[in-house]
C-alpha atoms as a PDB file:
ATOM      1  CA  MET A   1     117.046 107.549  98.380  1.00  0.00           C
ATOM      2  CA  ALA A   2     114.733 110.058 100.057  1.00  0.00           C
ATOM      3  CA  CYS A   3     114.451 110.230 103.853  1.00  0.00           C
ATOM      4  CA  ALA A   4     111.924 112.297 105.803  1.00  0.00           C
ATOM      5  CA  GLU A   5     112.020 112.886 109.568  1.00  0.00           C
ATOM      6  CA  TYR A   6     109.008 113.342 111.844  1.00  0.00           C
ATOM      7  CA  SER A   7     108.767 114.005 115.585  1.00  0.00           C
ATOM      8  CA  PHE A   8     106.250 111.768 117.335  1.00  0.00           C
ATOM      9  CA  HIS A   9     104.047 112.886 120.215  1.00  0.00           C
ATOM     10  CA  MET A  10     105.829 111.665 123.374  1.00  0.00           C
ATOM     11  CA  PRO A  11     103.532 111.124 126.371  1.00  0.00           C
ATOM     12  CA  GLY A  12     105.058 110.196 129.707  1.00  0.00           C
ATOM     13  CA  LEU A  13     105.368 106.502 130.545  1.00  0.00           C
ATOM     14  CA  GLU A  14     102.914 106.610 133.452  1.00  0.00           C
ATOM     15  CA  GLU A  15     100.342 108.329 131.242  1.00  0.00           C
ATOM     16  CA  LEU A  16     100.821 105.762 128.476  1.00  0.00           C
ATOM     17  CA  ALA A  17     100.534 102.906 130.954  1.00  0.00           C
ATOM     18  CA  GLY A  18      97.180 104.253 132.152  1.00  0.00           C
ATOM     19  CA  VAL A  19      95.877 104.670 128.604  1.00  0.00           C
ATOM     20  CA  LEU A  20      96.923 101.150 127.614  1.00  0.00           C
ATOM     21  CA  GLN A  21      95.508  99.640 130.800  1.00  0.00           C
ATOM     22  CA  LYS A  22      92.081 101.076 130.040  1.00  0.00           C
ATOM     23  CA  GLY A  23      92.083 100.090 126.369  1.00  0.00           C
ATOM     24  CA  LEU A  24      93.361  96.553 126.802  1.00  0.00           C
ATOM     25  CA  LYS A  25      90.670  95.826 129.408  1.00  0.00           C
ATOM     26  CA  ASP A  26      88.128  96.007 126.584  1.00  0.00           C
ATOM     27  CA  ASN A  27      89.867  93.131 124.779  1.00  0.00           C
ATOM     28  CA  PHE A  28      91.416  90.948 127.515  1.00  0.00           C
ATOM     29  CA  ALA A  29      90.002  89.514 130.727  1.00  0.00           C
ATOM     30  CA  ASP A  30      93.124  90.095 132.816  1.00  0.00           C
ATOM     31  CA  VAL A  31      95.350  93.153 132.200  1.00  0.00           C
ATOM     32  CA  GLN A  32      98.179  94.711 134.166  1.00  0.00           C
ATOM     33  CA  VAL A  33     100.158  97.642 132.731  1.00  0.00           C
ATOM     34  CA  SER A  34     102.886  99.347 134.746  1.00  0.00           C
ATOM     35  CA  VAL A  35     106.217 101.171 134.491  1.00  0.00           C
ATOM     36  CA  VAL A  36     109.145  98.944 135.477  1.00  0.00           C
ATOM     37  CA  ASP A  37     112.855  98.544 134.998  1.00  0.00           C
ATOM     38  CA  CYS A  38     113.562  96.796 131.711  1.00  0.00           C
ATOM     39  CA  PRO A  39     114.572  93.188 132.316  1.00  0.00           C
ATOM     40  CA  ASP A  40     117.920  91.957 131.023  1.00  0.00           C
ATOM     41  CA  LEU A  41     117.030  91.130 127.430  1.00  0.00           C
ATOM     42  CA  THR A  42     120.274  89.233 126.849  1.00  0.00           C
ATOM     43  CA  LYS A  43     118.774  86.409 128.945  1.00  0.00           C
ATOM     44  CA  GLU A  44     116.300  83.798 127.756  1.00  0.00           C
ATOM     45  CA  PRO A  45     113.832  83.775 126.225  1.00  0.00           C
ATOM     46  CA  PHE A  46     114.809  87.027 124.494  1.00  0.00           C
ATOM     47  CA  THR A  47     118.561  86.396 123.919  1.00  0.00           C
ATOM     48  CA  PHE A  48     119.003  89.870 122.402  1.00  0.00           C
ATOM     49  CA  PRO A  49     122.504  91.265 121.847  1.00  0.00           C
ATOM     50  CA  VAL A  50     121.687  94.243 124.144  1.00  0.00           C
ATOM     51  CA  LYS A  51     120.304  94.458 127.669  1.00  0.00           C
ATOM     52  CA  GLY A  52     117.497  96.960 127.115  1.00  0.00           C
ATOM     53  CA  ILE A  53     115.451  99.019 124.651  1.00  0.00           C
ATOM     54  CA  CYS A  54     116.092 102.475 126.133  1.00  0.00           C
ATOM     55  CA  GLY A  55     117.971 105.493 124.805  1.00  0.00           C
ATOM     56  CA  LYS A  56     117.260 107.643 121.733  1.00  0.00           C
ATOM     57  CA  THR A  57     114.274 105.606 120.562  1.00  0.00           C
ATOM     58  CA  ARG A  58     113.523 105.754 116.848  1.00  0.00           C
ATOM     59  CA  ILE A  59     111.271 104.078 114.283  1.00  0.00           C
ATOM     60  CA  ALA A  60     112.464 103.640 110.721  1.00  0.00           C
ATOM     61  CA  GLU A  61     110.116 102.560 107.958  1.00  0.00           C
ATOM     62  CA  VAL A  62     111.904 101.589 104.785  1.00  0.00           C
ATOM     63  CA  GLY A  63     110.189 101.012 101.463  1.00  0.00           C
ATOM     64  CA  GLY A  64     106.747  99.468 101.658  1.00  0.00           C
ATOM     65  CA  VAL A  65     104.285  96.843 100.532  1.00  0.00           C
ATOM     66  CA  PRO A  66     103.895  98.522  97.083  1.00  0.00           C
ATOM     67  CA  TYR A  67     107.450  97.312  96.334  1.00  0.00           C
ATOM     68  CA  LEU A  68     106.183  93.734  96.790  1.00  0.00           C
ATOM     69  CA  LEU A  69     102.654  93.900  95.358  1.00  0.00           C
ATOM     70  CA  PRO A  70     101.065  93.542  92.837  1.00  0.00           C
ATOM     71  CA  LEU A  71     104.465  92.413  91.457  1.00  0.00           C
ATOM     72  CA  VAL A  72     107.810  92.455  93.192  1.00  0.00           C
ATOM     73  CA  LYS A  73     110.269  95.176  92.252  1.00  0.00           C
ATOM     74  CA  LYS A  74     113.519  93.256  92.475  1.00  0.00           C
ATOM     75  CA  GLU A  75     115.609  96.268  91.589  1.00  0.00           C
ATOM     76  CA  LYS A  76     114.941  97.788  95.043  1.00  0.00           C
ATOM     77  CA  PHE A  77     117.651  97.989  97.753  1.00  0.00           C
ATOM     78  CA  MET A  78     118.902  95.290 100.184  1.00  0.00           C
ATOM     79  CA  PRO A  79     120.612  97.097 103.090  1.00  0.00           C
ATOM     80  CA  VAL A  80     122.552  95.169 105.728  1.00  0.00           C
ATOM     81  CA  ILE A  81     121.715  96.495 109.183  1.00  0.00           C
ATOM     82  CA  GLN A  82     124.524  96.621 111.698  1.00  0.00           C
ATOM     83  CA  THR A  83     125.532  98.875 114.563  1.00  0.00           C
ATOM     84  CA  GLU A  84     128.809  99.450 116.328  1.00  0.00           C
ATOM     85  CA  SER A  85     130.273 101.776 118.914  1.00  0.00           C
ATOM     86  CA  GLU A  86     133.718 102.864 119.945  1.00  0.00           C
ATOM     87  CA  HIS A  87     134.077  99.967 122.360  1.00  0.00           C
ATOM     88  CA  LYS A  88     131.782  97.289 120.896  1.00  0.00           C
ATOM     89  CA  PRO A  89     131.810  95.526 117.520  1.00  0.00           C
ATOM     90  CA  PRO A  90     128.601  95.111 115.494  1.00  0.00           C
ATOM     91  CA  VAL A  91     126.430  92.122 116.357  1.00  0.00           C
ATOM     92  CA  ASN A  92     123.699  90.603 114.208  1.00  0.00           C
ATOM     93  CA  GLY A  93     121.418  88.465 116.310  1.00  0.00           C
ATOM     94  CA  SER A  94     118.733  88.190 113.651  1.00  0.00           C
ATOM     95  CA  TYR A  95     116.558  85.233 112.777  1.00  0.00           C
ATOM     96  CA  PHE A  96     114.809  84.556 109.512  1.00  0.00           C
ATOM     97  CA  ALA A  97     112.010  82.186 108.604  1.00  0.00           C
ATOM     98  CA  ARG A  98     111.429  80.510 105.277  1.00  0.00           C
ATOM     99  CA  VAL A  99     109.246  77.808 103.815  1.00  0.00           C
ATOM    100  CA  ASN A 100     110.996  74.443 104.021  1.00  0.00           C
ATOM    101  CA  PRO A 101     111.204  73.176 100.422  1.00  0.00           C
ATOM    102  CA  ALA A 102     111.235  69.583 101.678  1.00  0.00           C
ATOM    103  CA  ASP A 103     107.863  69.517 103.436  1.00  0.00           C
ATOM    104  CA  GLY A 104     106.308  72.991 103.209  1.00  0.00           C
ATOM    105  CA  GLY A 105     106.764  73.633 106.920  1.00  0.00           C
ATOM    106  CA  CYS A 106     108.429  76.579 108.591  1.00  0.00           C
ATOM    107  CA  LEU A 107     112.219  76.602 108.746  1.00  0.00           C
ATOM    108  CA  LEU A 108     113.649  79.084 111.245  1.00  0.00           C
ATOM    109  CA  GLU A 109     117.350  79.918 111.031  1.00  0.00           C
ATOM    110  CA  LYS A 110     119.609  82.275 112.913  1.00  0.00           C
ATOM    111  CA  TYR A 111     122.022  84.664 111.264  1.00  0.00           C
ATOM    112  CA  SER A 112     125.552  83.367 110.962  1.00  0.00           C
ATOM    113  CA  GLU A 113     128.625  84.291 108.958  1.00  0.00           C
ATOM    114  CA  LYS A 114     127.619  81.955 106.148  1.00  0.00           C
ATOM    115  CA  TYR A 115     124.775  84.377 105.486  1.00  0.00           C
ATOM    116  CA  HIS A 116     127.223  87.248 104.964  1.00  0.00           C
ATOM    117  CA  ASP A 117     124.849  89.098 102.662  1.00  0.00           C
ATOM    118  CA  PHE A 118     121.828  88.704 104.965  1.00  0.00           C
ATOM    119  CA  GLY A 119     119.773  91.884 105.004  1.00  0.00           C
ATOM    120  CA  CYS A 120     116.275  93.089 104.156  1.00  0.00           C
ATOM    121  CA  ALA A 121     114.624  93.779 100.870  1.00  0.00           C
ATOM    122  CA  LEU A 122     111.566  95.716  99.689  1.00  0.00           C
ATOM    123  CA  LEU A 123     110.356  96.864 103.106  1.00  0.00           C
ATOM    124  CA  ALA A 124     111.316  97.044 106.760  1.00  0.00           C
ATOM    125  CA  ASN A 125     109.699  98.326 109.947  1.00  0.00           C
ATOM    126  CA  LEU A 126     112.352  98.911 112.567  1.00  0.00           C
ATOM    127  CA  PHE A 127     112.492 100.082 116.172  1.00  0.00           C
ATOM    128  CA  ALA A 128     115.940 101.275 117.212  1.00  0.00           C
ATOM    129  CA  SER A 129     117.483 102.520 120.453  1.00  0.00           C
ATOM    130  CA  GLU A 130     120.819 102.626 122.239  1.00  0.00           C
ATOM    131  CA  GLY A 131     119.977  99.278 123.812  1.00  0.00           C
ATOM    132  CA  GLN A 132     120.337 100.618 127.318  1.00  0.00           C
ATOM    133  CA  PRO A 133     118.597  99.539 130.547  1.00  0.00           C
ATOM    134  CA  GLY A 134     115.965 101.890 131.954  1.00  0.00           C
ATOM    135  CA  LYS A 135     112.293 102.373 132.612  1.00  0.00           C
ATOM    136  CA  VAL A 136     109.835 100.718 130.206  1.00  0.00           C
ATOM    137  CA  ILE A 137     106.140  99.959 130.000  1.00  0.00           C
ATOM    138  CA  GLU A 138     105.388  96.393 131.030  1.00  0.00           C
ATOM    139  CA  VAL A 139     102.149  94.913 129.651  1.00  0.00           C
ATOM    140  CA  LYS A 140     100.597  91.679 130.890  1.00  0.00           C
ATOM    141  CA  ALA A 141      97.426  90.493 129.183  1.00  0.00           C
ATOM    142  CA  LYS A 142      95.617  87.167 129.505  1.00  0.00           C
ATOM    143  CA  ARG A 143      92.530  85.530 128.009  1.00  0.00           C
ATOM    144  CA  ARG A 144      91.458  87.518 124.959  1.00  0.00           C
ATOM    145  CA  THR A 145      87.754  88.407 125.068  1.00  0.00           C
ATOM    146  CA  GLY A 146      87.631  90.753 122.070  1.00  0.00           C
ATOM    147  CA  LYS A 147      88.365  90.415 118.358  1.00  0.00           C
ATOM    148  CA  LEU A 148      91.544  92.527 118.187  1.00  0.00           C
ATOM    149  CA  ASN A 149      95.007  91.048 118.356  1.00  0.00           C
ATOM    150  CA  PHE A 150      97.414  92.239 121.046  1.00  0.00           C
ATOM    151  CA  VAL A 151      99.220  94.822 118.914  1.00  0.00           C
ATOM    152  CA  THR A 152      96.135  96.139 117.143  1.00  0.00           C
ATOM    153  CA  CYS A 153      94.394  96.657 120.484  1.00  0.00           C
ATOM    154  CA  MET A 154      97.289  98.757 121.789  1.00  0.00           C
ATOM    155  CA  ARG A 155      97.581 100.734 118.569  1.00  0.00           C
ATOM    156  CA  GLN A 156      93.875 101.499 118.300  1.00  0.00           C
ATOM    157  CA  THR A 157      93.795 102.429 121.984  1.00  0.00           C
ATOM    158  CA  LEU A 158      96.490 105.032 121.373  1.00  0.00           C
ATOM    159  CA  GLU A 159      94.763 106.304 118.240  1.00  0.00           C
ATOM    160  CA  LYS A 160      91.472 106.741 120.086  1.00  0.00           C
ATOM    161  CA  HIS A 161      93.113 108.588 122.965  1.00  0.00           C
ATOM    162  CA  TYR A 162      95.659 110.769 121.155  1.00  0.00           C
ATOM    163  CA  GLY A 163      93.835 111.340 117.867  1.00  0.00           C
ATOM    164  CA  ASP A 164      95.823 113.525 115.486  1.00  0.00           C
ATOM    165  CA  LYS A 165      98.921 113.375 117.702  1.00  0.00           C
ATOM    166  CA  PRO A 166     100.636 110.245 116.354  1.00  0.00           C
ATOM    167  CA  VAL A 167     102.437 108.043 118.876  1.00  0.00           C
ATOM    168  CA  GLY A 168     104.947 105.449 117.702  1.00  0.00           C
ATOM    169  CA  MET A 169     105.973 102.491 119.828  1.00  0.00           C
ATOM    170  CA  GLY A 170     108.194  99.441 119.690  1.00  0.00           C
ATOM    171  CA  GLY A 171     109.792  96.840 121.904  1.00  0.00           C
ATOM    172  CA  THR A 172     109.197  93.155 122.422  1.00  0.00           C
ATOM    173  CA  PHE A 173     106.594  90.764 123.803  1.00  0.00           C
ATOM    174  CA  ILE A 174     106.343  87.060 124.490  1.00  0.00           C
ATOM    175  CA  ILE A 175     103.367  84.859 123.779  1.00  0.00           C
ATOM    176  CA  GLN A 176     103.880  82.790 126.927  1.00  0.00           C
ATOM    177  CA  LYS A 177     100.972  80.383 126.515  1.00  0.00           C
ATOM    178  CA  GLY A 178      98.763  79.400 123.621  1.00  0.00           C
ATOM    179  CA  LYS A 179      99.210  79.401 119.861  1.00  0.00           C
ATOM    180  CA  ALA A 180      99.297  82.055 117.139  1.00  0.00           C
ATOM    181  CA  LYS A 181      98.511  82.342 113.451  1.00  0.00           C
ATOM    182  CA  THR A 182     101.572  83.388 111.465  1.00  0.00           C
ATOM    183  CA  HIS A 183     102.753  83.475 107.880  1.00  0.00           C
ATOM    184  CA  VAL A 184     105.966  83.058 105.960  1.00  0.00           C
ATOM    185  CA  MET A 185     106.458  84.233 102.381  1.00  0.00           C
ATOM    186  CA  PRO A 186     107.315  81.600  99.759  1.00  0.00           C
ATOM    187  CA  ALA A 187     110.864  81.632  98.500  1.00  0.00           C
ATOM    188  CA  GLU A 188     109.670  82.500  95.005  1.00  0.00           C
ATOM    189  CA  PHE A 189     107.846  85.781  94.502  1.00  0.00           C
ATOM    190  CA  SER A 190     104.534  85.523  92.687  1.00  0.00           C
ATOM    191  CA  SER A 191     104.825  85.719  88.916  1.00  0.00           C
ATOM    192  CA  CYS A 192     101.154  86.728  88.674  1.00  0.00           C
ATOM    193  CA  PRO A 193     100.003  90.150  89.889  1.00  0.00           C
ATOM    194  CA  LEU A 194      98.444  90.068  93.370  1.00  0.00           C
ATOM    195  CA  ASN A 195      95.766  92.755  93.492  1.00  0.00           C
ATOM    196  CA  SER A 196      93.777  92.005  96.641  1.00  0.00           C
ATOM    197  CA  ASP A 197      94.155  90.677 100.178  1.00  0.00           C
ATOM    198  CA  GLU A 198      92.460  87.446  99.059  1.00  0.00           C
ATOM    199  CA  GLU A 199      95.046  86.877  96.323  1.00  0.00           C
ATOM    200  CA  VAL A 200      97.904  87.713  98.690  1.00  0.00           C
ATOM    201  CA  ASN A 201      96.599  85.226 101.280  1.00  0.00           C
ATOM    202  CA  LYS A 202      96.458  82.440  98.679  1.00  0.00           C
ATOM    203  CA  TRP A 203     100.131  83.053  97.901  1.00  0.00           C
ATOM    204  CA  LEU A 204     101.398  83.272 101.509  1.00  0.00           C
ATOM    205  CA  ARG A 205     102.014  80.169 103.653  1.00  0.00           C
ATOM    206  CA  PHE A 206     100.101  80.220 106.931  1.00  0.00           C
ATOM    207  CA  TYR A 207     100.941  78.312 110.101  1.00  0.00           C
ATOM    208  CA  GLU A 208      99.719  77.848 113.652  1.00  0.00           C
ATOM    209  CA  MET A 209     102.744  78.181 115.963  1.00  0.00           C
ATOM    210  CA  LYS A 210     103.033  77.323 119.619  1.00  0.00           C
ATOM    211  CA  ALA A 211     104.279  79.330 122.580  1.00  0.00           C
ATOM    212  CA  PRO A 212     106.678  80.566 123.691  1.00  0.00           C
ATOM    213  CA  LEU A 213     107.128  83.012 120.801  1.00  0.00           C
ATOM    214  CA  VAL A 214     109.314  86.116 121.088  1.00  0.00           C
ATOM    215  CA  CYS A 215     107.756  88.956 119.091  1.00  0.00           C
ATOM    216  CA  LEU A 216     109.208  92.198 117.768  1.00  0.00           C
ATOM    217  CA  PRO A 217     106.460  94.784 117.133  1.00  0.00           C
ATOM    218  CA  VAL A 218     106.517  98.263 115.638  1.00  0.00           C
ATOM    219  CA  PHE A 219     103.294 100.272 115.635  1.00  0.00           C
ATOM    220  CA  VAL A 220     102.138 103.829 115.026  1.00  0.00           C
ATOM    221  CA  SER A 221      98.800 105.084 116.314  1.00  0.00           C
ATOM    222  CA  ARG A 222      98.010 107.172 113.212  1.00  0.00           C
ATOM    223  CA  ASP A 223      99.776 107.831 109.920  1.00  0.00           C
ATOM    224  CA  PRO A 224     100.965 111.476 109.844  1.00  0.00           C
ATOM    225  CA  GLY A 225     101.068 111.367 106.054  1.00  0.00           C
ATOM    226  CA  PHE A 226     103.952 109.031 105.156  1.00  0.00           C
ATOM    227  CA  ASP A 227     102.006 106.000 103.841  1.00  0.00           C
ATOM    228  CA  LEU A 228     103.041 103.938 106.866  1.00  0.00           C
ATOM    229  CA  ARG A 229     102.377 100.318 107.644  1.00  0.00           C
ATOM    230  CA  LEU A 230     100.715 101.091 110.967  1.00  0.00           C
ATOM    231  CA  GLU A 231     101.731  97.834 112.634  1.00  0.00           C
ATOM    232  CA  HIS A 232     104.123  95.022 111.825  1.00  0.00           C
ATOM    233  CA  THR A 233     105.230  92.183 114.083  1.00  0.00           C
ATOM    234  CA  HIS A 234     107.589  89.273 113.474  1.00  0.00           C
ATOM    235  CA  CYS A 235     108.332  86.488 115.921  1.00  0.00           C
ATOM    236  CA  PHE A 236     110.936  83.818 116.555  1.00  0.00           C
ATOM    237  CA  SER A 237     111.317  80.963 119.018  1.00  0.00           C
ATOM    238  CA  HIS A 238     113.856  78.551 120.423  1.00  0.00           C
ATOM    239  CA  HIS A 239     111.892  75.552 119.151  1.00  0.00           C
ATOM    240  CA  GLY A 240     112.246  76.208 115.418  1.00  0.00           C
ATOM    241  CA  GLU A 241     109.177  78.300 114.575  1.00  0.00           C
ATOM    242  CA  GLY A 242     108.869  81.930 113.520  1.00  0.00           C
ATOM    243  CA  GLY A 243     107.238  84.292 111.059  1.00  0.00           C
ATOM    244  CA  HIS A 244     104.842  87.239 110.777  1.00  0.00           C
ATOM    245  CA  TYR A 245     102.418  87.411 113.710  1.00  0.00           C
ATOM    246  CA  HIS A 246      98.722  87.852 112.926  1.00  0.00           C
ATOM    247  CA  TYR A 247      96.778  86.934 116.090  1.00  0.00           C
ATOM    248  CA  ASP A 248      96.493  84.260 118.745  1.00  0.00           C
ATOM    249  CA  THR A 249      94.281  81.267 117.963  1.00  0.00           C
ATOM    250  CA  THR A 250      93.691  80.259 121.599  1.00  0.00           C
ATOM    251  CA  PRO A 251      91.922  83.226 123.168  1.00  0.00           C
ATOM    252  CA  ASP A 252      90.848  81.321 126.301  1.00  0.00           C
ATOM    253  CA  THR A 253      94.406  80.413 127.313  1.00  0.00           C
ATOM    254  CA  VAL A 254      96.695  82.989 125.665  1.00  0.00           C
ATOM    255  CA  GLU A 255      99.083  84.995 127.836  1.00  0.00           C
ATOM    256  CA  TYR A 256     101.146  87.979 126.671  1.00  0.00           C
ATOM    257  CA  LEU A 257     104.052  89.696 128.409  1.00  0.00           C
ATOM    258  CA  GLY A 258     105.583  92.739 126.742  1.00  0.00           C
ATOM    259  CA  TYR A 259     107.988  95.637 127.221  1.00  0.00           C
ATOM    260  CA  PHE A 260     107.515  98.816 125.196  1.00  0.00           C
ATOM    261  CA  LEU A 261     108.686 102.385 124.762  1.00  0.00           C
ATOM    262  CA  PRO A 262     107.447 105.322 122.690  1.00  0.00           C
ATOM    263  CA  ALA A 263     109.711 106.479 119.857  1.00  0.00           C
ATOM    264  CA  GLU A 264     110.943 110.060 119.677  1.00  0.00           C
ATOM    265  CA  PHE A 265     111.298 110.225 115.894  1.00  0.00           C
ATOM    266  CA  LEU A 266     110.182 108.540 112.688  1.00  0.00           C
ATOM    267  CA  TYR A 267     112.534 108.183 109.740  1.00  0.00           C
ATOM    268  CA  ARG A 268     110.625 107.476 106.528  1.00  0.00           C
ATOM    269  CA  ILE A 269     113.065 106.078 103.989  1.00  0.00           C
ATOM    270  CA  ASP A 270     112.342 105.511 100.290  1.00  0.00           C
ATOM    271  CA  GLN A 271     108.581 105.984 100.506  1.00  0.00           C
ATOM    272  CA  PRO A 272     106.873 104.424  97.449  1.00  0.00           C
ATOM    273  CA  LYS A 273     105.552 106.978  94.992  1.00  0.00           C
ATOM    274  CA  GLU A 274     102.696 104.712  93.878  1.00  0.00           C
ATOM    275  CA  THR A 275     100.730 103.030  96.631  1.00  0.00           C
ATOM    276  CA  HIS A 276      97.707 100.899  97.561  1.00  0.00           C
ATOM    277  CA  SER A 277      96.064  99.655 100.753  1.00  0.00           C
ATOM    278  CA  PHE A 278      96.090  95.829 100.542  1.00  0.00           C
ATOM    279  CA  GLY A 279      98.621  93.305 101.809  1.00  0.00           C
ATOM    280  CA  ARG A 280      99.206  95.091 105.122  1.00  0.00           C
ATOM    281  CA  ASP A 281      97.648  92.752 107.679  1.00  0.00           C
END
């Protein structure tokens, strides 16, 4: 399995905060971006297994959409992601969402030992760090006035400012108020080839989910030549909803609160040899 390494452009946090402040103001009525100490992410609503997102930040992109579309390639890998240190055992605090076969709704479940083979298949977009406390970029944005979603606005802002110097970022944000459009993939992969975004959207199951939603974004300002999915965000909640975040559906009332850091390196793992551009929203 091939793996390529790439060093991202790494602006300072204060510089990034200023860039994001300016760009988000074009898309949200109320924006405040600053550098702060990372809050304790083991507390609600995050309930992460680590306190922060700092230390040796990395982005790993594994596989890609071409392993899912037009037809799924079931022979691809299913790695189980776990970390451990000399003094701490591995912890898997993951959630996963699926379509409830009983009523077609969303069924959110948390990893437990009964899902001993729980992992990821076909593709993954991951932000990794040592999980340490430290300085992070805090982003508050309220009342969306533009057409871009929260993540896309940040990503395009970075692309516009840094151009051919790709910046990768990850972290977490909460949709504190409002609702969001999300999707969950059906349990059964499509038996018919899906060759366009329209065909993919007919196969996926879409939902409108309510706040608070805890989101886990990974985004890269510009692809440096690795056929990247430039942004990918999943969300979970403590009220039974979760899935792939698309955008908020309540622009007049939505409120976002996020904590982010730039990544030092990209690890591109098992890049598809044959590719296409659909199915990446």
